[in-house]
Amino acid sequence: MSVANILTASRILLSPLFVIIFLGCEGLLARIFTLLLVVIMELTDAFDGYFARKRNEVSDFGKILDPLADSLSRLTIFISFLVAGIAPIWMVLVFLYRDSTISTIRIVCAYNKLVLAALRSGKIKAIVQATAIITILVGRIAEYYFGEILKHNWAIVFPWQRIYYWLLVVAVLITIYSLYDYVRKNWTSLKPFIR
């Protein structure tokens, strides 16, 4: 396998490790480690395409593996957030339905011998989702570290959950727009299959 494909595949391999630590371990160290895992996964997402182009290793396998790794890694995180009570199910379903629909559009385009190009809205969606995930994980570290201090010294409870919720709302809105954009721009390819 090429360097680019190894980087891409690493996101799939690291995803179950995230679940194990995020849901199975408690404490500040576990929260820091889950943040580091996500940063590593996002860096592999940033660099796999770079290495594929730089080393002239762009391949059909890589074009299939990359969106699969993106979906699996981020959906794994969002499902973990659901189990932990951070994300409501309707948000996770939006992320799941969007990725499933885009995968179907990819199949339809491939059937028509067309390549589904990555759209700008998809890249913006990836950045916004990654930003929301990383910010929530940083917040959980701050929540663990500063939570008791804030609670006892100022007699207030910092609205962590509300912040997480609105970060995810922004990610959901961008995700919905991305879905709309992909369907709109690939409507010509999809139209013959809709009867």
Protein backbone atom coordinates (compact mmCIF):
# COMPACT_ATOMS: atom_id res chain seq x y z
CA MET A 1 0.00 0.00 0.00
CA SER A 2 1.09 3.56 -0.67
CA VAL A 3 1.90 6.04 2.10
CA ALA A 4 -1.35 7.90 1.32
CA ASN A 5 -3.45 4.73 1.63
CA ILE A 6 -1.70 3.76 4.89
CA LEU A 7 -2.55 7.18 6.32
CA THR A 8 -6.15 6.80 5.15
CA ALA A 9 -6.48 3.25 6.53
CA SER A 10 -5.08 4.38 9.88
CA ARG A 11 -8.25 6.45 10.44
CA ILE A 12 -10.33 3.28 10.19
CA LEU A 13 -8.01 1.41 12.57
CA LEU A 14 -7.91 4.22 15.13
CA SER A 15 -11.70 4.64 15.25
CA PRO A 16 -12.44 1.58 17.48
CA LEU A 17 -9.59 2.67 19.77
CA PHE A 18 -11.33 6.03 20.17
CA VAL A 19 -14.55 4.28 21.24
CA ILE A 20 -12.75 2.05 23.74
CA ILE A 21 -11.00 4.97 25.43
CA PHE A 22 -13.81 7.53 25.13
CA LEU A 23 -16.53 5.27 26.51
CA GLY A 24 -14.48 2.82 28.56
CA CYS A 25 -12.00 5.03 30.40
CA GLU A 26 -12.49 7.95 32.74
CA GLY A 27 -10.18 10.67 33.94
CA LEU A 28 -8.19 13.56 32.57
CA LEU A 29 -5.59 11.36 30.86
CA ALA A 30 -8.28 9.46 28.91
CA ARG A 31 -9.81 12.74 27.74
CA ILE A 32 -6.44 14.06 26.62
CA PHE A 33 -5.70 10.78 24.79
CA THR A 34 -9.03 10.85 22.90
CA LEU A 35 -8.26 14.41 21.81
CA LEU A 36 -4.81 13.33 20.57
CA LEU A 37 -6.37 10.41 18.68
CA VAL A 38 -8.78 12.73 16.88
CA VAL A 39 -6.01 15.21 16.04
CA ILE A 40 -4.00 12.33 14.55
CA MET A 41 -7.03 11.14 12.55
CA GLU A 42 -7.67 14.65 11.22
CA LEU A 43 -4.00 15.08 10.31
CA THR A 44 -4.06 11.83 8.34
CA ASP A 45 -7.12 13.20 6.53
CA ALA A 46 -5.23 16.38 5.71
CA PHE A 47 -2.04 14.65 4.58
CA ASP A 48 -3.22 11.52 2.74
CA GLY A 49 -4.29 13.54 -0.31
CA TYR A 50 -1.14 15.65 -0.13
CA PHE A 51 1.12 12.57 -0.18
CA ALA A 52 -0.94 10.92 -2.92
CA ARG A 53 -0.44 13.93 -5.19
CA LYS A 54 3.17 14.65 -4.19
CA ARG A 55 4.32 11.04 -4.64
CA ASN A 56 2.11 10.50 -7.70
CA GLU A 57 0.22 7.75 -5.85
CA VAL A 58 -3.34 8.82 -6.63
CA SER A 59 -5.31 5.61 -7.14
CA ASP A 60 -8.89 4.44 -7.62
CA PHE A 61 -8.56 2.46 -4.40
CA GLY A 62 -7.51 5.60 -2.54
CA LYS A 63 -10.45 7.53 -3.98
CA ILE A 64 -12.79 4.89 -2.55
CA LEU A 65 -10.95 4.37 0.74
CA ASP A 66 -10.66 8.06 1.67
CA PRO A 67 -14.38 8.95 1.89
CA LEU A 68 -15.03 5.59 3.59
CA ALA A 69 -12.38 6.36 6.23
CA ASP A 70 -13.78 9.88 6.68
CA SER A 71 -17.31 8.58 7.24
CA LEU A 72 -16.32 5.72 9.52
CA SER A 73 -14.03 7.81 11.71
CA ARG A 74 -16.38 10.77 12.16
CA LEU A 75 -19.53 8.66 12.51
CA THR A 76 -17.73 6.57 15.14
CA ILE A 77 -17.02 9.75 17.09
CA PHE A 78 -20.56 11.11 16.71
CA ILE A 79 -22.07 7.78 17.81
CA SER A 80 -19.74 7.84 20.83
CA PHE A 81 -21.02 11.35 21.57
CA LEU A 82 -24.57 9.99 21.32
CA VAL A 83 -23.85 7.20 23.82
CA ALA A 84 -22.17 9.69 26.17
CA GLY A 85 -25.19 12.01 26.05
CA ILE A 86 -23.37 14.81 24.22
CA ALA A 87 -25.18 14.55 20.87
CA PRO A 88 -28.89 13.82 20.41
CA ILE A 89 -29.83 11.02 18.05
CA TRP A 90 -31.40 13.29 15.43
CA MET A 91 -28.04 15.01 14.87
CA VAL A 92 -26.20 11.72 14.49
CA LEU A 93 -28.85 10.57 12.01
CA VAL A 94 -28.28 13.72 9.92
CA PHE A 95 -24.57 12.89 9.73
CA LEU A 96 -25.32 9.24 8.93
CA TYR A 97 -27.98 9.98 6.29
CA ARG A 98 -25.79 12.55 4.57
CA ASP A 99 -22.83 10.18 4.29
CA SER A 100 -25.05 7.28 3.16
CA THR A 101 -26.69 9.45 0.50
CA ILE A 102 -23.35 10.71 -0.82
CA SER A 103 -22.07 7.12 -0.96
CA THR A 104 -25.12 6.18 -3.03
CA ILE A 105 -24.53 9.15 -5.35
CA ARG A 106 -20.93 7.95 -5.77
CA ILE A 107 -22.18 4.50 -6.79
CA VAL A 108 -24.65 6.00 -9.28
CA CYS A 109 -21.95 8.22 -10.77
CA ALA A 110 -19.54 5.26 -11.02
CA TYR A 111 -22.29 3.27 -12.78
CA ASN A 112 -22.53 6.13 -15.29
CA LYS A 113 -18.73 6.11 -15.63
CA LEU A 114 -18.50 9.49 -13.90
CA VAL A 115 -16.23 10.43 -11.03
CA LEU A 116 -17.91 12.24 -8.17
CA ALA A 117 -15.57 15.13 -7.55
CA ALA A 118 -15.12 16.46 -4.04
CA LEU A 119 -17.09 19.66 -3.71
CA ARG A 120 -16.08 22.70 -1.71
CA SER A 121 -19.15 22.26 0.49
CA GLY A 122 -17.92 18.77 1.39
CA LYS A 123 -14.54 20.12 2.42
CA ILE A 124 -16.17 22.89 4.48
CA LYS A 125 -18.41 20.26 6.09
CA ALA A 126 -15.35 18.18 7.01
CA ILE A 127 -13.59 21.21 8.54
CA VAL A 128 -16.67 22.28 10.52
CA GLN A 129 -17.32 18.74 11.81
CA ALA A 130 -13.65 18.32 12.77
CA THR A 131 -13.65 21.72 14.50
CA ALA A 132 -16.80 20.82 16.45
CA ILE A 133 -15.37 17.43 17.48
CA ILE A 134 -12.01 18.85 18.58
CA THR A 135 -13.63 21.77 20.42
CA ILE A 136 -15.94 19.39 22.28
CA LEU A 137 -13.00 17.17 23.27
CA VAL A 138 -11.02 20.21 24.44
CA GLY A 139 -14.13 21.32 26.34
CA ARG A 140 -14.35 17.93 28.04
CA ILE A 141 -10.76 18.32 29.23
CA ALA A 142 -11.54 21.81 30.54
CA GLU A 143 -14.79 20.50 32.04
CA TYR A 144 -12.91 17.81 33.95
CA TYR A 145 -10.05 20.06 35.01
CA PHE A 146 -11.91 23.29 35.80
CA GLY A 147 -15.42 21.98 36.49
CA GLU A 148 -15.08 21.61 40.23
CA ILE A 149 -13.17 24.89 40.61
CA LEU A 150 -15.88 26.84 38.76
CA LYS A 151 -18.62 25.09 40.68
CA HIS A 152 -17.16 25.66 44.15
CA ASN A 153 -15.56 29.08 43.73
CA TRP A 154 -18.29 30.88 41.80
CA ALA A 155 -21.29 28.77 42.67
CA ILE A 156 -22.13 28.42 38.98
CA VAL A 157 -22.23 25.53 36.60
CA PHE A 158 -20.58 26.35 33.28
CA PRO A 159 -22.95 25.47 30.40
CA TRP A 160 -20.71 22.83 28.78
CA GLN A 161 -23.59 20.80 27.33
CA ARG A 162 -25.22 23.87 25.80
CA ILE A 163 -21.94 24.83 24.11
CA TYR A 164 -21.49 21.29 22.76
CA TYR A 165 -25.07 21.28 21.49
CA TRP A 166 -24.69 24.53 19.53
CA LEU A 167 -21.35 23.47 18.08
CA LEU A 168 -23.08 20.36 16.78
CA VAL A 169 -26.05 22.40 15.47
CA VAL A 170 -23.63 24.39 13.29
CA ALA A 171 -22.07 21.12 12.06
CA VAL A 172 -25.55 19.73 11.30
CA LEU A 173 -26.56 22.81 9.28
CA ILE A 174 -23.36 22.70 7.20
CA THR A 175 -23.83 18.94 6.73
CA ILE A 176 -27.39 19.46 5.43
CA TYR A 177 -26.18 22.15 3.05
CA SER A 178 -23.40 19.85 1.81
CA LEU A 179 -25.95 17.12 1.08
CA TYR A 180 -28.13 19.58 -0.83
CA ASP A 181 -25.10 20.81 -2.80
CA TYR A 182 -24.03 17.27 -3.81
CA VAL A 183 -27.54 16.30 -4.89
CA ARG A 184 -28.04 19.57 -6.82
CA LYS A 185 -24.72 19.37 -8.65
CA ASN A 186 -25.13 15.67 -9.51
CA TRP A 187 -28.83 15.82 -10.37
CA THR A 188 -28.18 15.13 -14.07
CA SER A 189 -26.53 11.80 -13.20
CA LEU A 190 -29.22 10.88 -10.67
CA LYS A 191 -32.25 11.85 -12.76
CA PRO A 192 -32.35 8.71 -14.98
CA PHE A 193 -32.53 6.52 -11.86
CA ILE A 194 -35.50 8.35 -10.34
CA ARG A 195 -38.75 7.02 -11.77
